[in-house]
Amino acid sequence: MTIGDRLKNVIKNKGFKLTEFARKSHIPYRTLQGYVANERMIGTDAVIKICSELRIISDWLLMGENLPYNTPFEKEPQTAEEIDKVMKDLNPEQKQEILSRSLEMKKMNKLEERLKKLEEKL
C-alpha cells in the first residue's frame, strides 16, 4: 500500500470528501489530489498538517508502520463491528503487533495484581 493509498483510505474512513479535507487541512485540492494519486511527493509541512487534522501517526502514513491512529485522539472502537472495521485496514504485521501487545498487557495486569497482593501482606 502506498502513501497515497493510505491517505485516501484514512480520509474516506474519517468521513471526508477530498474537497472537504483540502479545505480543512489548508492544502490545495490539486495538491491533495496529487498525493492520493501518488503523482506528487508529500513534503514535511503537508505531513504535519495531514497527520494533525486526521489525528494519525506519521510513521504509518509514510511507511505503513505501526498503527494509523494515536488512540488518545482517535475515538476507540466500541462494538465488534467497529473493531472489525479497524482490523480490516491493517496489514498482517500490524495485526500481529496488536496481538503481541495485548498479550503483554495481560501479563502486566497479572504482575500488577501479584505486586499489589504482596504489598498488602507487608
PDB file of N, CA and C in Angstrom:
ATOM      1  N   MET A   1       0.841  -1.176   0.000  1.00  0.00           N
ATOM      2  CA  MET A   1       0.000   0.000   0.000  1.00  0.00           C
ATOM      3  C   MET A   1       0.889   1.243   0.000  1.00  0.00           C
ATOM      4  N   THR A   2       0.580   2.194  -0.827  1.00  0.00           N
ATOM      5  CA  THR A   2       1.399   3.406  -0.951  1.00  0.00           C
ATOM      6  C   THR A   2       0.919   4.489   0.019  1.00  0.00           C
ATOM      7  N   ILE A   3       1.701   5.555   0.104  1.00  0.00           N
ATOM      8  CA  ILE A   3       1.311   6.705   0.926  1.00  0.00           C
ATOM      9  C   ILE A   3      -0.034   7.231   0.434  1.00  0.00           C
ATOM     10  N   GLY A   4      -0.172   7.362  -0.871  1.00  0.00           N
ATOM     11  CA  GLY A   4      -1.427   7.857  -1.439  1.00  0.00           C
ATOM     12  C   GLY A   4      -2.607   6.964  -1.097  1.00  0.00           C
ATOM     13  N   ASP A   5      -2.400   5.652  -1.147  1.00  0.00           N
ATOM     14  CA  ASP A   5      -3.467   4.704  -0.792  1.00  0.00           C
ATOM     15  C   ASP A   5      -3.866   4.856   0.669  1.00  0.00           C
ATOM     16  N   ARG A   6      -2.863   4.939   1.544  1.00  0.00           N
ATOM     17  CA  ARG A   6      -3.155   5.093   2.974  1.00  0.00           C
ATOM     18  C   ARG A   6      -3.884   6.404   3.230  1.00  0.00           C
ATOM     19  N   LEU A   7      -3.424   7.470   2.579  1.00  0.00           N
ATOM     20  CA  LEU A   7      -4.051   8.774   2.748  1.00  0.00           C
ATOM     21  C   LEU A   7      -5.497   8.756   2.256  1.00  0.00           C
ATOM     22  N   LYS A   8      -5.710   8.196   1.081  1.00  0.00           N
ATOM     23  CA  LYS A   8      -7.062   8.115   0.523  1.00  0.00           C
ATOM     24  C   LYS A   8      -7.987   7.325   1.450  1.00  0.00           C
ATOM     25  N   ASN A   9      -7.500   6.192   1.963  1.00  0.00           N
ATOM     26  CA  ASN A   9      -8.313   5.352   2.852  1.00  0.00           C
ATOM     27  C   ASN A   9      -8.666   6.053   4.155  1.00  0.00           C
ATOM     28  N   VAL A  10      -7.702   6.717   4.756  1.00  0.00           N
ATOM     29  CA  VAL A  10      -7.973   7.341   6.051  1.00  0.00           C
ATOM     30  C   VAL A  10      -8.882   8.562   5.888  1.00  0.00           C
ATOM     31  N   ILE A  11      -8.735   9.297   4.803  1.00  0.00           N
ATOM     32  CA  ILE A  11      -9.646  10.424   4.549  1.00  0.00           C
ATOM     33  C   ILE A  11     -11.070   9.899   4.408  1.00  0.00           C
ATOM     34  N   LYS A  12     -11.221   8.832   3.653  1.00  0.00           N
ATOM     35  CA  LYS A  12     -12.541   8.219   3.457  1.00  0.00           C
ATOM     36  C   LYS A  12     -13.090   7.680   4.774  1.00  0.00           C
ATOM     37  N   ASN A  13     -12.243   6.957   5.549  1.00  0.00           N
ATOM     38  CA  ASN A  13     -12.686   6.382   6.815  1.00  0.00           C
ATOM     39  C   ASN A  13     -13.094   7.434   7.840  1.00  0.00           C
ATOM     40  N   LYS A  14     -12.512   8.618   7.732  1.00  0.00           N
ATOM     41  CA  LYS A  14     -12.864   9.712   8.635  1.00  0.00           C
ATOM     42  C   LYS A  14     -14.121  10.447   8.167  1.00  0.00           C
ATOM     43  N   GLY A  15     -14.642  10.046   7.014  1.00  0.00           N
ATOM     44  CA  GLY A  15     -15.895  10.618   6.533  1.00  0.00           C
ATOM     45  C   GLY A  15     -15.767  11.894   5.717  1.00  0.00           C
ATOM     46  N   PHE A  16     -14.562  12.182   5.238  1.00  0.00           N
ATOM     47  CA  PHE A  16     -14.345  13.384   4.432  1.00  0.00           C
ATOM     48  C   PHE A  16     -14.382  13.064   2.950  1.00  0.00           C
ATOM     49  N   LYS A  17     -14.802  14.029   2.176  1.00  0.00           N
ATOM     50  CA  LYS A  17     -14.562  14.014   0.740  1.00  0.00           C
ATOM     51  C   LYS A  17     -13.231  14.740   0.564  1.00  0.00           C
ATOM     52  N   LEU A  18     -12.569  14.488  -0.530  1.00  0.00           N
ATOM     53  CA  LEU A  18     -11.259  15.093  -0.763  1.00  0.00           C
ATOM     54  C   LEU A  18     -11.334  16.621  -0.722  1.00  0.00           C
ATOM     55  N   THR A  19     -12.378  17.180  -1.302  1.00  0.00           N
ATOM     56  CA  THR A  19     -12.526  18.643  -1.315  1.00  0.00           C
ATOM     57  C   THR A  19     -12.695  19.191   0.102  1.00  0.00           C
ATOM     58  N   GLU A  20     -13.460  18.477   0.928  1.00  0.00           N
ATOM     59  CA  GLU A  20     -13.667  18.916   2.310  1.00  0.00           C
ATOM     60  C   GLU A  20     -12.359  18.875   3.093  1.00  0.00           C
ATOM     61  N   PHE A  21     -11.624  17.780   2.904  1.00  0.00           N
ATOM     62  CA  PHE A  21     -10.382  17.656   3.646  1.00  0.00           C
ATOM     63  C   PHE A  21      -9.354  18.679   3.174  1.00  0.00           C
ATOM     64  N   ALA A  22      -9.352  18.996   1.905  1.00  0.00           N
ATOM     65  CA  ALA A  22      -8.433  20.017   1.387  1.00  0.00           C
ATOM     66  C   ALA A  22      -8.682  21.353   2.099  1.00  0.00           C
ATOM     67  N   ARG A  23      -9.946  21.719   2.222  1.00  0.00           N
ATOM     68  CA  ARG A  23     -10.284  22.970   2.925  1.00  0.00           C
ATOM     69  C   ARG A  23      -9.874  22.899   4.393  1.00  0.00           C
ATOM     70  N   LYS A  24     -10.221  21.806   5.041  1.00  0.00           N
ATOM     71  CA  LYS A  24      -9.950  21.659   6.474  1.00  0.00           C
ATOM     72  C   LYS A  24      -8.454  21.674   6.781  1.00  0.00           C
ATOM     73  N   SER A  25      -7.664  21.056   5.918  1.00  0.00           N
ATOM     74  CA  SER A  25      -6.224  20.951   6.166  1.00  0.00           C
ATOM     75  C   SER A  25      -5.424  22.111   5.587  1.00  0.00           C
ATOM     76  N   HIS A  26      -6.097  22.981   4.827  1.00  0.00           N
ATOM     77  CA  HIS A  26      -5.433  24.125   4.174  1.00  0.00           C
ATOM     78  C   HIS A  26      -4.370  23.668   3.175  1.00  0.00           C
ATOM     79  N   ILE A  27      -4.668  22.546   2.517  1.00  0.00           N
ATOM     80  CA  ILE A  27      -3.805  22.043   1.449  1.00  0.00           C
ATOM     81  C   ILE A  27      -4.597  22.203   0.157  1.00  0.00           C
ATOM     82  N   PRO A  28      -4.017  22.821  -0.865  1.00  0.00           N
ATOM     83  CA  PRO A  28      -4.766  22.987  -2.112  1.00  0.00           C
ATOM     84  C   PRO A  28      -5.304  21.646  -2.632  1.00  0.00           C
ATOM     85  N   TYR A  29      -6.528  21.701  -3.140  1.00  0.00           N
ATOM     86  CA  TYR A  29      -7.197  20.496  -3.619  1.00  0.00           C
ATOM     87  C   TYR A  29      -6.358  19.751  -4.653  1.00  0.00           C
ATOM     88  N   ARG A  30      -5.801  20.448  -5.629  1.00  0.00           N
ATOM     89  CA  ARG A  30      -4.998  19.799  -6.674  1.00  0.00           C
ATOM     90  C   ARG A  30      -3.763  19.126  -6.088  1.00  0.00           C
ATOM     91  N   THR A  31      -3.177  19.750  -5.088  1.00  0.00           N
ATOM     92  CA  THR A  31      -2.012  19.158  -4.416  1.00  0.00           C
ATOM     93  C   THR A  31      -2.413  17.868  -3.724  1.00  0.00           C
ATOM     94  N   LEU A  32      -3.524  17.911  -3.002  1.00  0.00           N
ATOM     95  CA  LEU A  32      -4.020  16.726  -2.308  1.00  0.00           C
ATOM     96  C   LEU A  32      -4.369  15.618  -3.302  1.00  0.00           C
ATOM     97  N   GLN A  33      -4.938  15.992  -4.428  1.00  0.00           N
ATOM     98  CA  GLN A  33      -5.220  15.012  -5.485  1.00  0.00           C
ATOM     99  C   GLN A  33      -3.937  14.319  -5.928  1.00  0.00           C
ATOM    100  N   GLY A  34      -2.873  15.095  -6.077  1.00  0.00           N
ATOM    101  CA  GLY A  34      -1.586  14.533  -6.465  1.00  0.00           C
ATOM    102  C   GLY A  34      -1.040  13.557  -5.439  1.00  0.00           C
ATOM    103  N   TYR A  35      -1.265  13.864  -4.148  1.00  0.00           N
ATOM    104  CA  TYR A  35      -0.806  12.961  -3.086  1.00  0.00           C
ATOM    105  C   TYR A  35      -1.542  11.625  -3.150  1.00  0.00           C
ATOM    106  N   VAL A  36      -2.887  11.668  -3.225  1.00  0.00           N
ATOM    107  CA  VAL A  36      -3.647  10.414  -3.193  1.00  0.00           C
ATOM    108  C   VAL A  36      -3.486   9.607  -4.476  1.00  0.00           C
ATOM    109  N   ALA A  37      -3.116  10.282  -5.566  1.00  0.00           N
ATOM    110  CA  ALA A  37      -2.885   9.578  -6.836  1.00  0.00           C
ATOM    111  C   ALA A  37      -1.432   9.126  -6.973  1.00  0.00           C
ATOM    112  N   ASN A  38      -0.624   9.389  -5.957  1.00  0.00           N
ATOM    113  CA  ASN A  38       0.802   9.042  -5.970  1.00  0.00           C
ATOM    114  C   ASN A  38       1.542   9.716  -7.116  1.00  0.00           C
ATOM    115  N   GLU A  39       1.100  10.898  -7.473  1.00  0.00           N
ATOM    116  CA  GLU A  39       1.743  11.664  -8.533  1.00  0.00           C
ATOM    117  C   GLU A  39       2.625  12.775  -7.976  1.00  0.00           C
ATOM    118  N   ARG A  40       2.552  12.980  -6.677  1.00  0.00           N
ATOM    119  CA  ARG A  40       3.267  14.081  -6.064  1.00  0.00           C
ATOM    120  C   ARG A  40       3.829  13.636  -4.717  1.00  0.00           C
ATOM    121  N   MET A  41       5.049  14.037  -4.425  1.00  0.00           N
ATOM    122  CA  MET A  41       5.681  13.718  -3.138  1.00  0.00           C
ATOM    123  C   MET A  41       5.101  14.618  -2.044  1.00  0.00           C
ATOM    124  N   ILE A  42       4.884  14.030  -0.876  1.00  0.00           N
ATOM    125  CA  ILE A  42       4.360  14.800   0.252  1.00  0.00           C
ATOM    126  C   ILE A  42       5.530  15.413   1.007  1.00  0.00           C
ATOM    127  N   GLY A  43       5.477  16.720   1.188  1.00  0.00           N
ATOM    128  CA  GLY A  43       6.506  17.422   1.945  1.00  0.00           C
ATOM    129  C   GLY A  43       6.235  17.384   3.438  1.00  0.00           C
ATOM    130  N   THR A  44       7.216  17.814   4.207  1.00  0.00           N
ATOM    131  CA  THR A  44       7.126  17.795   5.664  1.00  0.00           C
ATOM    132  C   THR A  44       5.950  18.600   6.188  1.00  0.00           C
ATOM    133  N   ASP A  45       5.759  19.809   5.667  1.00  0.00           N
ATOM    134  CA  ASP A  45       4.651  20.644   6.136  1.00  0.00           C
ATOM    135  C   ASP A  45       3.307  19.971   5.895  1.00  0.00           C
ATOM    136  N   ALA A  46       3.154  19.344   4.737  1.00  0.00           N
ATOM    137  CA  ALA A  46       1.895  18.664   4.418  1.00  0.00           C
ATOM    138  C   ALA A  46       1.682  17.461   5.332  1.00  0.00           C
ATOM    139  N   VAL A  47       2.734  16.714   5.612  1.00  0.00           N
ATOM    140  CA  VAL A  47       2.616  15.563   6.517  1.00  0.00           C
ATOM    141  C   VAL A  47       2.121  16.032   7.882  1.00  0.00           C
ATOM    142  N   ILE A  48       2.693  17.113   8.364  1.00  0.00           N
ATOM    143  CA  ILE A  48       2.292  17.642   9.677  1.00  0.00           C
ATOM    144  C   ILE A  48       0.827  18.056   9.659  1.00  0.00           C
ATOM    145  N   LYS A  49       0.416  18.778   8.629  1.00  0.00           N
ATOM    146  CA  LYS A  49      -0.986  19.204   8.523  1.00  0.00           C
ATOM    147  C   LYS A  49      -1.927  18.008   8.433  1.00  0.00           C
ATOM    148  N   ILE A  50      -1.584  17.052   7.589  1.00  0.00           N
ATOM    149  CA  ILE A  50      -2.436  15.869   7.379  1.00  0.00           C
ATOM    150  C   ILE A  50      -2.561  15.063   8.662  1.00  0.00           C
ATOM    151  N   CYS A  51      -1.432  14.768   9.283  1.00  0.00           N
ATOM    152  CA  CYS A  51      -1.460  13.945  10.498  1.00  0.00           C
ATOM    153  C   CYS A  51      -2.175  14.657  11.644  1.00  0.00           C
ATOM    154  N   SER A  52      -2.006  15.950  11.714  1.00  0.00           N
ATOM    155  CA  SER A  52      -2.667  16.724  12.752  1.00  0.00           C
ATOM    156  C   SER A  52      -4.184  16.736  12.547  1.00  0.00           C
ATOM    157  N   GLU A  53      -4.607  17.001  11.346  1.00  0.00           N
ATOM    158  CA  GLU A  53      -6.048  17.061  11.057  1.00  0.00           C
ATOM    159  C   GLU A  53      -6.727  15.702  11.168  1.00  0.00           C
ATOM    160  N   LEU A  54      -6.062  14.659  10.691  1.00  0.00           N
ATOM    161  CA  LEU A  54      -6.656  13.323  10.710  1.00  0.00           C
ATOM    162  C   LEU A  54      -6.365  12.576  12.003  1.00  0.00           C
ATOM    163  N   ARG A  55      -5.471  13.154  12.814  1.00  0.00           N
ATOM    164  CA  ARG A  55      -5.048  12.543  14.077  1.00  0.00           C
ATOM    165  C   ARG A  55      -4.509  11.129  13.835  1.00  0.00           C
ATOM    166  N   ILE A  56      -3.559  11.082  12.908  1.00  0.00           N
ATOM    167  CA  ILE A  56      -2.898   9.819  12.598  1.00  0.00           C
ATOM    168  C   ILE A  56      -1.407   9.957  12.860  1.00  0.00           C
ATOM    169  N   ILE A  57      -0.730   8.833  12.892  1.00  0.00           N
ATOM    170  CA  ILE A  57       0.700   8.807  13.170  1.00  0.00           C
ATOM    171  C   ILE A  57       1.466   8.897  11.852  1.00  0.00           C
ATOM    172  N   SER A  58       2.453   9.768  11.803  1.00  0.00           N
ATOM    173  CA  SER A  58       3.203   9.989  10.564  1.00  0.00           C
ATOM    174  C   SER A  58       3.948   8.739  10.093  1.00  0.00           C
ATOM    175  N   ASP A  59       4.455   7.919  11.008  1.00  0.00           N
ATOM    176  CA  ASP A  59       5.137   6.678  10.607  1.00  0.00           C
ATOM    177  C   ASP A  59       4.214   5.790   9.788  1.00  0.00           C
ATOM    178  N   TRP A  60       2.971   5.734  10.212  1.00  0.00           N
ATOM    179  CA  TRP A  60       2.004   4.911   9.481  1.00  0.00           C
ATOM    180  C   TRP A  60       1.739   5.505   8.096  1.00  0.00           C
ATOM    181  N   LEU A  61       1.533   6.806   8.031  1.00  0.00           N
ATOM    182  CA  LEU A  61       1.257   7.438   6.744  1.00  0.00           C
ATOM    183  C   LEU A  61       2.424   7.257   5.775  1.00  0.00           C
ATOM    184  N   LEU A  62       3.625   7.500   6.235  1.00  0.00           N
ATOM    185  CA  LEU A  62       4.788   7.488   5.352  1.00  0.00           C
ATOM    186  C   LEU A  62       5.317   6.089   5.036  1.00  0.00           C
ATOM    187  N   MET A  63       5.273   5.190   6.020  1.00  0.00           N
ATOM    188  CA  MET A  63       5.903   3.883   5.822  1.00  0.00           C
ATOM    189  C   MET A  63       4.981   2.695   6.063  1.00  0.00           C
ATOM    190  N   GLY A  64       3.764   2.947   6.520  1.00  0.00           N
ATOM    191  CA  GLY A  64       2.847   1.849   6.801  1.00  0.00           C
ATOM    192  C   GLY A  64       3.206   1.088   8.060  1.00  0.00           C
ATOM    193  N   GLU A  65       4.028   1.691   8.915  1.00  0.00           N
ATOM    194  CA  GLU A  65       4.465   1.025  10.140  1.00  0.00           C
ATOM    195  C   GLU A  65       3.563   1.401  11.304  1.00  0.00           C
ATOM    196  N   ASN A  66       3.456   0.478  12.255  1.00  0.00           N
ATOM    197  CA  ASN A  66       2.664   0.678  13.461  1.00  0.00           C
ATOM    198  C   ASN A  66       1.188   0.839  13.117  1.00  0.00           C
ATOM    199  N   LEU A  67       0.456   1.402  14.019  1.00  0.00           N
ATOM    200  CA  LEU A  67      -0.975   1.592  13.828  1.00  0.00           C
ATOM    201  C   LEU A  67      -1.238   3.002  13.309  1.00  0.00           C
ATOM    202  N   PRO A  68      -2.314   3.181  12.539  1.00  0.00           N
ATOM    203  CA  PRO A  68      -2.569   4.507  11.981  1.00  0.00           C
ATOM    204  C   PRO A  68      -2.964   5.555  13.001  1.00  0.00           C
ATOM    205  N   TYR A  69      -3.650   5.155  14.049  1.00  0.00           N
ATOM    206  CA  TYR A  69      -4.214   6.140  14.964  1.00  0.00           C
ATOM    207  C   TYR A  69      -3.486   6.201  16.278  1.00  0.00           C
ATOM    208  N   ASN A  70      -3.397   7.402  16.760  1.00  0.00           N
ATOM    209  CA  ASN A  70      -2.862   7.648  18.084  1.00  0.00           C
ATOM    210  C   ASN A  70      -4.068   7.641  19.016  1.00  0.00           C
ATOM    211  N   THR A  71      -4.282   6.568  19.741  1.00  0.00           N
ATOM    212  CA  THR A  71      -5.540   6.342  20.444  1.00  0.00           C
ATOM    213  C   THR A  71      -6.010   7.461  21.370  1.00  0.00           C
ATOM    214  N   PRO A  72      -5.153   8.267  22.004  1.00  0.00           N
ATOM    215  CA  PRO A  72      -5.741   9.326  22.830  1.00  0.00           C
ATOM    216  C   PRO A  72      -6.585  10.310  22.023  1.00  0.00           C
ATOM    217  N   PHE A  73      -6.317  10.450  20.730  1.00  0.00           N
ATOM    218  CA  PHE A  73      -7.050  11.401  19.907  1.00  0.00           C
ATOM    219  C   PHE A  73      -8.164  10.734  19.111  1.00  0.00           C
ATOM    220  N   GLU A  74      -8.011   9.481  18.827  1.00  0.00           N
ATOM    221  CA  GLU A  74      -8.968   8.760  17.989  1.00  0.00           C
ATOM    222  C   GLU A  74     -10.029   8.117  18.861  1.00  0.00           C
ATOM    223  N   LYS A  75     -11.288   8.213  18.447  1.00  0.00           N
ATOM    224  CA  LYS A  75     -12.367   7.536  19.170  1.00  0.00           C
ATOM    225  C   LYS A  75     -12.114   6.040  19.083  1.00  0.00           C
ATOM    226  N   GLU A  76     -12.048   5.415  20.229  1.00  0.00           N
ATOM    227  CA  GLU A  76     -11.773   3.982  20.251  1.00  0.00           C
ATOM    228  C   GLU A  76     -13.020   3.205  19.827  1.00  0.00           C
ATOM    229  N   PRO A  77     -12.835   2.127  19.091  1.00  0.00           N
ATOM    230  CA  PRO A  77     -13.987   1.330  18.671  1.00  0.00           C
ATOM    231  C   PRO A  77     -14.707   0.748  19.894  1.00  0.00           C
ATOM    232  N   GLN A  78     -16.031   0.772  19.843  1.00  0.00           N
ATOM    233  CA  GLN A  78     -16.830   0.304  20.969  1.00  0.00           C
ATOM    234  C   GLN A  78     -17.529  -1.022  20.696  1.00  0.00           C
ATOM    235  N   THR A  79     -17.819  -1.293  19.433  1.00  0.00           N
ATOM    236  CA  THR A  79     -18.566  -2.503  19.089  1.00  0.00           C
ATOM    237  C   THR A  79     -17.685  -3.444  18.286  1.00  0.00           C
ATOM    238  N   ALA A  80     -18.133  -4.686  18.171  1.00  0.00           N
ATOM    239  CA  ALA A  80     -17.386  -5.676  17.390  1.00  0.00           C
ATOM    240  C   ALA A  80     -17.263  -5.227  15.935  1.00  0.00           C
ATOM    241  N   GLU A  81     -18.317  -4.605  15.414  1.00  0.00           N
ATOM    242  CA  GLU A  81     -18.281  -4.133  14.021  1.00  0.00           C
ATOM    243  C   GLU A  81     -17.228  -3.041  13.831  1.00  0.00           C
ATOM    244  N   GLU A  82     -17.139  -2.121  14.798  1.00  0.00           N
ATOM    245  CA  GLU A  82     -16.138  -1.052  14.713  1.00  0.00           C
ATOM    246  C   GLU A  82     -14.723  -1.623  14.812  1.00  0.00           C
ATOM    247  N   ILE A  83     -14.534  -2.607  15.676  1.00  0.00           N
ATOM    248  CA  ILE A  83     -13.223  -3.257  15.810  1.00  0.00           C
ATOM    249  C   ILE A  83     -12.871  -3.974  14.510  1.00  0.00           C
ATOM    250  N   ASP A  84     -13.829  -4.671  13.932  1.00  0.00           N
ATOM    251  CA  ASP A  84     -13.601  -5.356  12.648  1.00  0.00           C
ATOM    252  C   ASP A  84     -13.188  -4.371  11.569  1.00  0.00           C
ATOM    253  N   LYS A  85     -13.831  -3.212  11.531  1.00  0.00           N
ATOM    254  CA  LYS A  85     -13.508  -2.206  10.517  1.00  0.00           C
ATOM    255  C   LYS A  85     -12.054  -1.737  10.665  1.00  0.00           C
ATOM    256  N   VAL A  86     -11.638  -1.497  11.900  1.00  0.00           N
ATOM    257  CA  VAL A  86     -10.253  -1.075  12.152  1.00  0.00           C
ATOM    258  C   VAL A  86      -9.289  -2.182  11.745  1.00  0.00           C
ATOM    259  N   MET A  87      -9.587  -3.409  12.130  1.00  0.00           N
ATOM    260  CA  MET A  87      -8.695  -4.536  11.845  1.00  0.00           C
ATOM    261  C   MET A  87      -8.551  -4.780  10.345  1.00  0.00           C
ATOM    262  N   LYS A  88      -9.602  -4.570   9.577  1.00  0.00           N
ATOM    263  CA  LYS A  88      -9.542  -4.797   8.133  1.00  0.00           C
ATOM    264  C   LYS A  88      -8.573  -3.844   7.446  1.00  0.00           C
ATOM    265  N   ASP A  89      -8.347  -2.670   8.048  1.00  0.00           N
ATOM    266  CA  ASP A  89      -7.437  -1.681   7.462  1.00  0.00           C
ATOM    267  C   ASP A  89      -5.969  -1.986   7.752  1.00  0.00           C
ATOM    268  N   LEU A  90      -5.706  -2.982   8.580  1.00  0.00           N
ATOM    269  CA  LEU A  90      -4.339  -3.277   8.989  1.00  0.00           C
ATOM    270  C   LEU A  90      -3.747  -4.421   8.172  1.00  0.00           C
ATOM    271  N   ASN A  91      -2.430  -4.372   8.007  1.00  0.00           N
ATOM    272  CA  ASN A  91      -1.756  -5.474   7.321  1.00  0.00           C
ATOM    273  C   ASN A  91      -1.455  -6.581   8.341  1.00  0.00           C
ATOM    274  N   PRO A  92      -1.035  -7.768   7.900  1.00  0.00           N
ATOM    275  CA  PRO A  92      -0.810  -8.884   8.838  1.00  0.00           C
ATOM    276  C   PRO A  92       0.200  -8.570   9.945  1.00  0.00           C
ATOM    277  N   GLU A  93       1.248  -7.810   9.634  1.00  0.00           N
ATOM    278  CA  GLU A  93       2.238  -7.467  10.659  1.00  0.00           C
ATOM    279  C   GLU A  93       1.610  -6.592  11.744  1.00  0.00           C
ATOM    280  N   GLN A  94       0.748  -5.657  11.343  1.00  0.00           N
ATOM    281  CA  GLN A  94       0.098  -4.791  12.311  1.00  0.00           C
ATOM    282  C   GLN A  94      -0.866  -5.583  13.191  1.00  0.00           C
ATOM    283  N   LYS A  95      -1.569  -6.528  12.582  1.00  0.00           N
ATOM    284  CA  LYS A  95      -2.472  -7.385  13.361  1.00  0.00           C
ATOM    285  C   LYS A  95      -1.687  -8.202  14.378  1.00  0.00           C
ATOM    286  N   GLN A  96      -0.530  -8.727  13.974  1.00  0.00           N
ATOM    287  CA  GLN A  96       0.317  -9.498  14.888  1.00  0.00           C
ATOM    288  C   GLN A  96       0.818  -8.617  16.024  1.00  0.00           C
ATOM    289  N   GLU A  97       1.140  -7.367  15.710  1.00  0.00           N
ATOM    290  CA  GLU A  97       1.615  -6.446  16.743  1.00  0.00           C
ATOM    291  C   GLU A  97       0.520  -6.188  17.782  1.00  0.00           C
ATOM    292  N   ILE A  98      -0.714  -6.068  17.337  1.00  0.00           N
ATOM    293  CA  ILE A  98      -1.833  -5.874  18.262  1.00  0.00           C
ATOM    294  C   ILE A  98      -1.955  -7.079  19.188  1.00  0.00           C
ATOM    295  N   LEU A  99      -1.886  -8.261  18.624  1.00  0.00           N
ATOM    296  CA  LEU A  99      -1.967  -9.474  19.431  1.00  0.00           C
ATOM    297  C   LEU A  99      -0.831  -9.537  20.443  1.00  0.00           C
ATOM    298  N   SER A 100       0.379  -9.260  20.002  1.00  0.00           N
ATOM    299  CA  SER A 100       1.537  -9.299  20.903  1.00  0.00           C
ATOM    300  C   SER A 100       1.399  -8.285  22.032  1.00  0.00           C
ATOM    301  N   ARG A 101       0.980  -7.066  21.688  1.00  0.00           N
ATOM    302  CA  ARG A 101       0.808  -6.038  22.723  1.00  0.00           C
ATOM    303  C   ARG A 101      -0.298  -6.413  23.700  1.00  0.00           C
ATOM    304  N   SER A 102      -1.369  -7.006  23.194  1.00  0.00           N
ATOM    305  CA  SER A 102      -2.471  -7.423  24.063  1.00  0.00           C
ATOM    306  C   SER A 102      -2.007  -8.469  25.056  1.00  0.00           C
ATOM    307  N   LEU A 103      -1.222  -9.432  24.571  1.00  0.00           N
ATOM    308  CA  LEU A 103      -0.706 -10.463  25.466  1.00  0.00           C
ATOM    309  C   LEU A 103       0.248  -9.876  26.495  1.00  0.00           C
ATOM    310  N   GLU A 104       1.061  -8.907  26.086  1.00  0.00           N
ATOM    311  CA  GLU A 104       1.961  -8.226  27.021  1.00  0.00           C
ATOM    312  C   GLU A 104       1.169  -7.510  28.103  1.00  0.00           C
ATOM    313  N   MET A 105       0.109  -6.827  27.689  1.00  0.00           N
ATOM    314  CA  MET A 105      -0.722  -6.100  28.648  1.00  0.00           C
ATOM    315  C   MET A 105      -1.376  -7.064  29.645  1.00  0.00           C
ATOM    316  N   LYS A 106      -1.805  -8.204  29.157  1.00  0.00           N
ATOM    317  CA  LYS A 106      -2.413  -9.210  30.027  1.00  0.00           C
ATOM    318  C   LYS A 106      -1.403  -9.678  31.080  1.00  0.00           C
ATOM    319  N   LYS A 107      -0.163  -9.928  30.658  1.00  0.00           N
ATOM    320  CA  LYS A 107       0.891 -10.333  31.592  1.00  0.00           C
ATOM    321  C   LYS A 107       1.168  -9.240  32.615  1.00  0.00           C
ATOM    322  N   MET A 108       1.207  -7.977  32.137  1.00  0.00           N
ATOM    323  CA  MET A 108       1.461  -6.853  33.039  1.00  0.00           C
ATOM    324  C   MET A 108       0.355  -6.719  34.080  1.00  0.00           C
ATOM    325  N   ASN A 109      -0.889  -6.920  33.664  1.00  0.00           N
ATOM    326  CA  ASN A 109      -2.005  -6.850  34.609  1.00  0.00           C
ATOM    327  C   ASN A 109      -1.868  -7.900  35.700  1.00  0.00           C
ATOM    328  N   LYS A 110      -1.482  -9.113  35.315  1.00  0.00           N
ATOM    329  CA  LYS A 110      -1.287 -10.179  36.300  1.00  0.00           C
ATOM    330  C   LYS A 110      -0.149  -9.838  37.267  1.00  0.00           C
ATOM    331  N   LEU A 111       0.935  -9.305  36.714  1.00  0.00           N
ATOM    332  CA  LEU A 111       2.067  -8.922  37.567  1.00  0.00           C
ATOM    333  C   LEU A 111       1.679  -7.809  38.536  1.00  0.00           C
ATOM    334  N   GLU A 112       0.903  -6.852  38.069  1.00  0.00           N
ATOM    335  CA  GLU A 112       0.457  -5.763  38.945  1.00  0.00           C
ATOM    336  C   GLU A 112      -0.431  -6.291  40.068  1.00  0.00           C
ATOM    337  N   GLU A 113      -1.293  -7.244  39.740  1.00  0.00           N
ATOM    338  CA  GLU A 113      -2.146  -7.860  40.759  1.00  0.00           C
ATOM    339  C   GLU A 113      -1.299  -8.561  41.821  1.00  0.00           C
ATOM    340  N   ARG A 114      -0.306  -9.313  41.366  1.00  0.00           N
ATOM    341  CA  ARG A 114       0.572 -10.025  42.293  1.00  0.00           C
ATOM    342  C   ARG A 114       1.352  -9.054  43.170  1.00  0.00           C
ATOM    343  N   LEU A 115       1.844  -7.989  42.571  1.00  0.00           N
ATOM    344  CA  LEU A 115       2.580  -6.977  43.323  1.00  0.00           C
ATOM    345  C   LEU A 115       1.697  -6.319  44.365  1.00  0.00           C
ATOM    346  N   LYS A 116       0.476  -6.020  43.999  1.00  0.00           N
ATOM    347  CA  LYS A 116      -0.472  -5.406  44.936  1.00  0.00           C
ATOM    348  C   LYS A 116      -0.721  -6.326  46.133  1.00  0.00           C
ATOM    349  N   LYS A 117      -0.904  -7.628  45.847  1.00  0.00           N
ATOM    350  CA  LYS A 117      -1.122  -8.595  46.928  1.00  0.00           C
ATOM    351  C   LYS A 117       0.093  -8.679  47.842  1.00  0.00           C
ATOM    352  N   LEU A 118       1.280  -8.664  47.245  1.00  0.00           N
ATOM    353  CA  LEU A 118       2.495  -8.698  48.065  1.00  0.00           C
ATOM    354  C   LEU A 118       2.629  -7.444  48.927  1.00  0.00           C
ATOM    355  N   GLU A 119       2.301  -6.300  48.385  1.00  0.00           N
ATOM    356  CA  GLU A 119       2.375  -5.043  49.137  1.00  0.00           C
ATOM    357  C   GLU A 119       1.396  -5.052  50.298  1.00  0.00           C
ATOM    358  N   GLU A 120       0.211  -5.651  50.079  1.00  0.00           N
ATOM    359  CA  GLU A 120      -0.787  -5.736  51.140  1.00  0.00           C
ATOM    360  C   GLU A 120      -0.301  -6.604  52.296  1.00  0.00           C
ATOM    361  N   LYS A 121       0.464  -7.639  51.986  1.00  0.00           N
ATOM    362  CA  LYS A 121       0.993  -8.529  53.014  1.00  0.00           C
ATOM    363  C   LYS A 121       2.058  -7.845  53.865  1.00  0.00           C
ATOM    364  N   LEU A 122       2.744  -6.875  53.294  1.00  0.00           N
ATOM    365  CA  LEU A 122       3.793  -6.176  54.028  1.00  0.00           C
ATOM    366  C   LEU A 122       3.156  -5.195  54.931  1.00  0.00           C
TER     367      LEU A 122
END
